[in-house]
């Protein structure tokens, strides 16, 4: 994640030579953006941020307004750890240690947690639940398909942040007595299904939606060859049906680690050539993107039309709409 733009607190406006009227004028002109009551940031810098980066700055802004130290949890903790999640409109989420059912106020949702067994870490100047508790909370309280994404994430080492992979045994051990029996069952279902071979959040969500829809489990990262040698590795492969599934995320055409020195247009041409080679082997290729994942029925129709077999005939995907 790039460096986040600094925050301007209205109580410090005199340090910047701003009167209340000048502050208001700058917001109206777009030079400043109000993130929450009394907290602003540079407008151009804010607009250049990705939605998840804007959310991370909202977490930082919330911390500036709290009088007492606050422990951030769930999606907010995940944003600090850099753990992938699904959805763009989550509230800031924090813990309360008073068992009054939790409460929401000023864009912050509070969730009760007992102090016993709670591991809190200071990261980037904020108090957050540790990685295991963060993803277990998400597995307990978000829909299955969404919960798979952060759990897949922590099963892989995060080399950019120098964080080791978490094992499934560590996740299982973290459940303990922190959750109800029903929440524990939801968590275990996600842990059992999770797979570090998923290469991106989009692939993790795709795999989960494929499962919810009742299709047979695909092979991940399968090697595909033709007469000229290695073509590449497929995101998903149904061997008996001879169908390859490919998720098109923006990282394939934008992130330097995926471009390998190519321009985005060269990456698009290269991907098209790769697909043509795959099709020439007699395999059917089905592609989808983020927009189609947001309406999983589209993905279901595509896979069914391509002949991907089901392990059951009745689809459950109508109840698995992804929340944005």
Protein backbone atom coordinates (compact mmCIF):
# COMPACT_ATOMS: atom_id res chain seq x y z
CA UNK A 1 0.00 0.00 0.00
CA UNK A 2 1.37 3.47 -0.87
CA UNK A 3 1.97 6.07 1.79
CA UNK A 4 -1.35 7.51 2.87
CA UNK A 5 -1.86 11.29 2.69
CA UNK A 6 -1.65 13.15 6.00
CA UNK A 7 -4.75 14.10 7.94
CA UNK A 8 -5.73 17.66 8.80
CA UNK A 9 -7.67 18.00 12.05
CA UNK A 10 -9.95 21.02 12.34
CA UNK A 11 -8.68 21.63 15.87
CA UNK A 12 -5.22 22.14 14.37
CA UNK A 13 -6.32 24.48 11.59
CA UNK A 14 -4.63 27.49 13.20
CA UNK A 15 -1.30 25.68 12.89
CA UNK A 16 -1.90 25.70 9.14
CA UNK A 17 -3.11 29.29 9.05
CA UNK A 18 -6.70 28.36 8.21
CA UNK A 19 -9.86 30.01 9.47
CA UNK A 20 -13.16 28.05 9.60
CA UNK A 21 -14.35 29.89 6.48
CA UNK A 22 -11.15 29.05 4.59
CA UNK A 23 -11.52 25.41 5.57
CA UNK A 24 -15.07 25.36 4.24
CA UNK A 25 -14.02 27.03 0.98
CA UNK A 26 -11.27 24.50 0.38
CA UNK A 27 -13.71 21.63 0.88
CA UNK A 28 -16.22 23.18 -1.55
CA UNK A 29 -13.44 23.66 -4.11
CA UNK A 30 -12.31 20.05 -3.77
CA UNK A 31 -8.86 20.97 -2.47
CA UNK A 32 -9.74 19.22 0.79
CA UNK A 33 -12.01 16.24 1.46
CA UNK A 34 -13.76 15.74 4.79
CA UNK A 35 -13.27 12.11 5.84
CA UNK A 36 -15.27 12.38 9.03
CA UNK A 37 -16.36 15.16 11.36
CA UNK A 38 -13.42 17.45 12.01
CA UNK A 39 -10.91 15.49 9.90
CA UNK A 40 -9.79 16.31 6.35
CA UNK A 41 -7.19 15.30 3.81
CA UNK A 42 -5.83 16.55 0.49
CA UNK A 43 -8.52 16.23 -2.17
CA UNK A 44 -6.30 15.21 -5.09
CA UNK A 45 -4.45 12.65 -2.98
CA UNK A 46 -7.76 11.21 -1.72
CA UNK A 47 -9.15 10.83 -5.23
CA UNK A 48 -6.00 9.00 -6.36
CA UNK A 49 -6.43 6.30 -3.71
CA UNK A 50 -8.04 2.92 -4.38
CA UNK A 51 -11.28 2.29 -2.44
CA UNK A 52 -9.53 0.01 0.06
CA UNK A 53 -6.85 2.66 0.60
CA UNK A 54 -9.54 5.25 1.28
CA UNK A 55 -11.07 2.85 3.80
CA UNK A 56 -7.70 2.44 5.51
CA UNK A 57 -7.45 6.23 5.83
CA UNK A 58 -10.96 6.29 7.33
CA UNK A 59 -9.74 3.88 10.00
CA UNK A 60 -6.82 6.20 10.73
CA UNK A 61 -9.18 9.18 10.90
CA UNK A 62 -11.47 7.38 13.33
CA UNK A 63 -8.52 6.65 15.61
CA UNK A 64 -7.78 10.39 15.75
CA UNK A 65 -11.26 11.09 17.17
CA UNK A 66 -11.22 8.56 20.00
CA UNK A 67 -10.29 9.80 23.45
CA UNK A 68 -9.32 6.32 24.69
CA UNK A 69 -7.11 3.69 22.99
CA UNK A 70 -9.29 1.60 20.68
CA UNK A 71 -8.76 -1.89 19.29
CA UNK A 72 -9.78 -2.16 15.65
CA UNK A 73 -11.18 -5.47 14.39
CA UNK A 74 -12.65 -7.35 11.44
CA UNK A 75 -12.41 -5.39 8.15
CA UNK A 76 -10.64 -2.47 9.85
CA UNK A 77 -7.96 -4.67 11.36
CA UNK A 78 -7.64 -6.50 8.03
CA UNK A 79 -7.00 -3.18 6.26
CA UNK A 80 -4.14 -2.43 8.66
CA UNK A 81 -2.63 -5.89 8.17
CA UNK A 82 -3.09 -5.69 4.39
CA UNK A 83 -5.37 -8.75 4.43
CA UNK A 84 -7.62 -8.95 1.37
CA UNK A 85 -11.37 -8.64 1.96
CA UNK A 86 -14.45 -8.20 -0.22
CA UNK A 87 -16.69 -5.13 -0.25
CA UNK A 88 -16.20 -1.38 -0.51
CA UNK A 89 -18.63 0.10 2.01
CA UNK A 90 -17.80 -1.40 5.37
CA UNK A 91 -18.03 0.78 8.47
CA UNK A 92 -15.00 1.26 10.65
CA UNK A 93 -15.07 -1.66 13.09
CA UNK A 94 -13.71 -1.72 16.63
CA UNK A 95 -14.07 -3.74 19.82
CA UNK A 96 -15.93 -2.96 22.99
CA UNK A 97 -15.27 -4.82 26.22
CA UNK A 98 -18.67 -3.98 27.67
CA UNK A 99 -21.13 -6.76 26.92
CA UNK A 100 -24.09 -4.57 25.99
CA UNK A 101 -24.62 -5.99 22.51
CA UNK A 102 -22.29 -3.53 20.81
CA UNK A 103 -23.30 -0.29 19.19
CA UNK A 104 -22.77 1.83 16.11
CA UNK A 105 -22.13 5.55 16.20
CA UNK A 106 -20.57 8.11 13.88
CA UNK A 107 -19.68 5.51 11.27
CA UNK A 108 -18.01 3.14 13.74
CA UNK A 109 -19.45 -0.30 14.57
CA UNK A 110 -18.49 -1.73 17.96
CA UNK A 111 -18.40 -5.49 18.56
CA UNK A 112 -18.13 -7.09 21.98
CA UNK A 113 -15.09 -9.22 22.79
CA UNK A 114 -13.94 -10.74 26.06
CA UNK A 115 -10.46 -9.69 27.09
CA UNK A 116 -9.45 -13.24 28.00
CA UNK A 117 -7.46 -14.82 25.18
CA UNK A 118 -7.53 -11.67 23.05
CA UNK A 119 -4.20 -10.93 21.39
CA UNK A 120 -3.85 -7.25 20.49
CA UNK A 121 -0.99 -5.91 18.37
CA UNK A 122 0.18 -2.36 17.72
CA UNK A 123 0.69 -1.93 13.99
CA UNK A 124 1.18 1.29 12.02
CA UNK A 125 0.42 3.15 15.24
CA UNK A 126 -2.98 1.48 15.73
CA UNK A 127 -4.16 -1.26 18.08
CA UNK A 128 -5.60 -4.17 16.11
CA UNK A 129 -6.53 -7.79 16.68
CA UNK A 130 -3.79 -10.17 15.58
CA UNK A 131 -3.97 -11.79 12.14
CA UNK A 132 -5.51 -15.03 13.38
CA UNK A 133 -8.26 -13.34 15.38
CA UNK A 134 -8.92 -10.92 12.52
CA UNK A 135 -9.61 -13.61 9.92
CA UNK A 136 -11.49 -15.83 12.39
CA UNK A 137 -13.84 -12.93 13.17
CA UNK A 138 -14.39 -12.40 9.46
CA UNK A 139 -15.05 -16.12 8.95
CA UNK A 140 -17.53 -16.08 11.83
CA UNK A 141 -19.51 -13.00 10.85
CA UNK A 142 -19.36 -12.57 7.06
CA UNK A 143 -20.89 -14.76 4.31
CA UNK A 144 -18.96 -17.90 3.40
CA UNK A 145 -17.83 -16.74 -0.05
CA UNK A 146 -16.49 -13.45 1.32
CA UNK A 147 -14.84 -15.13 4.32
CA UNK A 148 -12.77 -17.45 2.13
CA UNK A 149 -10.81 -14.49 0.72
CA UNK A 150 -9.04 -13.34 3.93
CA UNK A 151 -8.46 -16.91 5.12
CA UNK A 152 -6.85 -17.85 1.78
CA UNK A 153 -4.73 -14.70 2.13
CA UNK A 154 -3.16 -15.56 5.49
CA UNK A 155 -2.43 -19.15 4.41
CA UNK A 156 0.16 -17.63 2.05
CA UNK A 157 3.26 -15.76 3.22
CA UNK A 158 2.96 -12.00 2.75
CA UNK A 159 6.41 -11.26 1.41
CA UNK A 160 5.76 -7.55 0.87
CA UNK A 161 5.06 -7.13 4.61
CA UNK A 162 7.46 -9.91 5.70
CA UNK A 163 4.69 -11.88 7.38
CA UNK A 164 4.81 -15.68 7.47
CA UNK A 165 1.96 -17.89 6.37
CA UNK A 166 -0.53 -18.98 9.03
CA UNK A 167 -1.34 -22.69 9.16
CA UNK A 168 -4.81 -24.22 9.30
CA UNK A 169 -3.83 -25.80 12.63
CA UNK A 170 -3.10 -22.34 14.05
CA UNK A 171 -6.46 -21.08 12.83
CA UNK A 172 -8.26 -24.05 14.37
CA UNK A 173 -6.46 -23.49 17.67
CA UNK A 174 -7.51 -19.85 17.65
CA UNK A 175 -11.21 -20.69 17.76
CA UNK A 176 -11.08 -21.91 21.35
CA UNK A 177 -13.99 -20.67 23.43
CA UNK A 178 -14.14 -17.27 21.71
CA UNK A 179 -17.16 -18.10 19.55
CA UNK A 180 -20.56 -19.71 19.81
CA UNK A 181 -21.04 -23.25 18.54
CA UNK A 182 -22.73 -21.94 15.38
CA UNK A 183 -19.97 -19.42 14.69
CA UNK A 184 -17.38 -22.14 15.28
CA UNK A 185 -19.04 -24.32 12.65
CA UNK A 186 -19.00 -21.45 10.15
CA UNK A 187 -15.32 -20.80 10.84
CA UNK A 188 -14.35 -24.46 10.44
CA UNK A 189 -16.22 -24.71 7.14
CA UNK A 190 -14.18 -21.79 5.79
CA UNK A 191 -10.89 -23.15 7.13
CA UNK A 192 -11.55 -26.58 5.61
CA UNK A 193 -12.33 -25.04 2.22
CA UNK A 194 -9.50 -22.47 2.21
CA UNK A 195 -6.57 -23.05 -0.14
CA UNK A 196 -3.30 -21.07 -0.36
CA UNK A 197 -3.04 -22.01 -4.05
CA UNK A 198 -5.56 -19.30 -4.91
CA UNK A 199 -3.45 -16.58 -6.45
CA UNK A 200 -5.58 -13.50 -5.78
CA UNK A 201 -8.69 -12.25 -3.96
CA UNK A 202 -10.67 -12.59 -7.18
CA UNK A 203 -9.61 -16.20 -7.59
CA UNK A 204 -10.51 -16.95 -3.96
CA UNK A 205 -13.97 -15.40 -4.33
CA UNK A 206 -14.47 -17.18 -7.66
CA UNK A 207 -13.58 -20.53 -6.14
CA UNK A 208 -15.97 -20.01 -3.24
CA UNK A 209 -18.85 -18.97 -5.51
CA UNK A 210 -18.18 -21.97 -7.75
CA UNK A 211 -18.48 -24.17 -4.67
CA UNK A 212 -21.65 -22.48 -3.44
CA UNK A 213 -23.22 -22.93 -6.89
CA UNK A 214 -22.71 -26.68 -6.62
CA UNK A 215 -20.12 -27.15 -9.38
CA UNK A 216 -17.41 -29.78 -9.11
CA UNK A 217 -14.18 -28.60 -7.51
CA UNK A 218 -11.70 -27.38 -10.14
CA UNK A 219 -7.96 -27.97 -10.10
CA UNK A 220 -5.96 -24.83 -9.31
CA UNK A 221 -2.89 -23.57 -11.16
CA UNK A 222 -2.80 -26.51 -13.57
CA UNK A 223 0.06 -26.64 -16.06
CA UNK A 224 -1.06 -26.43 -19.69
CA UNK A 225 1.23 -27.42 -22.56
CA UNK A 226 1.00 -27.58 -26.32
CA UNK A 227 3.40 -28.79 -29.00
CA UNK A 228 5.61 -25.75 -28.40
CA UNK A 229 5.93 -26.34 -24.68
CA UNK A 230 4.50 -24.64 -21.62
CA UNK A 231 1.55 -22.34 -22.33
CA UNK A 232 1.01 -21.33 -18.71
CA UNK A 233 -0.97 -22.15 -15.60
CA UNK A 234 -4.75 -21.97 -15.50
CA UNK A 235 -6.64 -20.37 -12.63
CA UNK A 236 -9.20 -23.20 -12.71
CA UNK A 237 -9.35 -26.46 -14.66
CA UNK A 238 -12.06 -29.09 -14.94
CA UNK A 239 -10.14 -31.99 -16.47
CA UNK A 240 -12.99 -34.29 -17.48
CA UNK A 241 -15.05 -31.44 -18.95
CA UNK A 242 -11.90 -29.99 -20.61
CA UNK A 243 -12.81 -26.51 -19.42
CA UNK A 244 -10.38 -23.83 -18.26
CA UNK A 245 -11.64 -20.97 -16.08
CA UNK A 246 -9.79 -17.65 -15.98
CA UNK A 247 -10.43 -14.72 -13.66
CA UNK A 248 -9.51 -11.35 -15.18
CA UNK A 249 -8.44 -9.05 -12.39
CA UNK A 250 -6.85 -5.68 -13.05
CA UNK A 251 -3.59 -6.93 -11.55
CA UNK A 252 -2.92 -8.97 -14.70
CA UNK A 253 -2.73 -5.77 -16.73
CA UNK A 254 -1.62 -3.15 -14.21
CA UNK A 255 0.63 -4.41 -11.43
CA UNK A 256 4.39 -4.42 -12.20
CA UNK A 257 4.90 -7.89 -10.73
CA UNK A 258 2.44 -9.29 -13.27
CA UNK A 259 3.54 -7.16 -16.22
CA UNK A 260 7.15 -8.45 -16.10
CA UNK A 261 8.44 -5.40 -17.93
CA UNK A 262 5.59 -5.25 -20.45
CA UNK A 263 3.20 -2.38 -21.05
CA UNK A 264 -0.48 -2.97 -20.18
CA UNK A 265 -1.34 -3.20 -23.90
CA UNK A 266 1.41 -5.77 -24.41
CA UNK A 267 0.02 -7.74 -21.46
CA UNK A 268 -3.45 -7.76 -23.05
CA UNK A 269 -2.03 -9.03 -26.36
CA UNK A 270 0.05 -11.63 -24.54
CA UNK A 271 -3.00 -12.87 -22.63
CA UNK A 272 -5.00 -13.16 -25.86
CA UNK A 273 -2.20 -15.15 -27.51
CA UNK A 274 -2.04 -17.40 -24.46
CA UNK A 275 -5.78 -18.03 -24.64
CA UNK A 276 -5.56 -18.87 -28.35
CA UNK A 277 -2.88 -21.46 -27.62
CA UNK A 278 -5.01 -22.98 -24.87
CA UNK A 279 -8.05 -23.19 -27.17
CA UNK A 280 -5.89 -24.80 -29.87
CA UNK A 281 -5.30 -27.75 -27.53
CA UNK A 282 -9.04 -28.46 -27.59
CA UNK A 283 -9.84 -26.88 -24.23
CA UNK A 284 -12.77 -24.53 -23.73
CA UNK A 285 -11.86 -21.25 -22.01
CA UNK A 286 -14.34 -19.34 -19.82
CA UNK A 287 -13.37 -15.87 -18.57
CA UNK A 288 -14.97 -13.55 -16.02
CA UNK A 289 -14.10 -10.37 -14.16
CA UNK A 290 -14.98 -8.48 -10.97
CA UNK A 291 -18.21 -7.09 -12.38
CA UNK A 292 -19.48 -10.59 -13.07
CA UNK A 293 -18.48 -11.79 -9.61
CA UNK A 294 -20.66 -9.07 -8.10
CA UNK A 295 -23.66 -10.88 -9.66
CA UNK A 296 -22.71 -14.54 -9.18
CA UNK A 297 -25.64 -15.71 -11.32
CA UNK A 298 -23.67 -14.49 -14.34
CA UNK A 299 -20.74 -16.71 -13.39
CA UNK A 300 -23.07 -19.65 -12.81
CA UNK A 301 -24.65 -19.26 -16.24
CA UNK A 302 -21.24 -19.06 -17.94
CA UNK A 303 -19.93 -22.20 -16.28
CA UNK A 304 -23.13 -24.14 -16.91
CA UNK A 305 -23.11 -23.14 -20.60
CA UNK A 306 -19.49 -24.31 -20.89
CA UNK A 307 -20.44 -27.73 -19.57
CA UNK A 308 -18.77 -27.55 -16.16
CA UNK A 309 -20.24 -30.50 -14.21
CA UNK A 310 -22.05 -30.08 -10.91
CA UNK A 311 -21.68 -32.18 -7.82
CA UNK A 312 -25.35 -31.39 -7.16
CA UNK A 313 -28.13 -30.20 -9.44
CA UNK A 314 -29.75 -27.49 -7.33
CA UNK A 315 -27.92 -24.15 -7.25
CA UNK A 316 -27.54 -22.17 -4.06
CA UNK A 317 -25.85 -19.19 -5.67
CA UNK A 318 -29.01 -17.08 -5.72
CA UNK A 319 -28.53 -16.66 -1.98
CA UNK A 320 -24.85 -15.78 -2.30
CA UNK A 321 -24.93 -12.25 -3.67
CA UNK A 322 -21.65 -10.50 -2.99
CA UNK A 323 -22.01 -7.36 -0.91
CA UNK A 324 -20.45 -4.16 -2.15
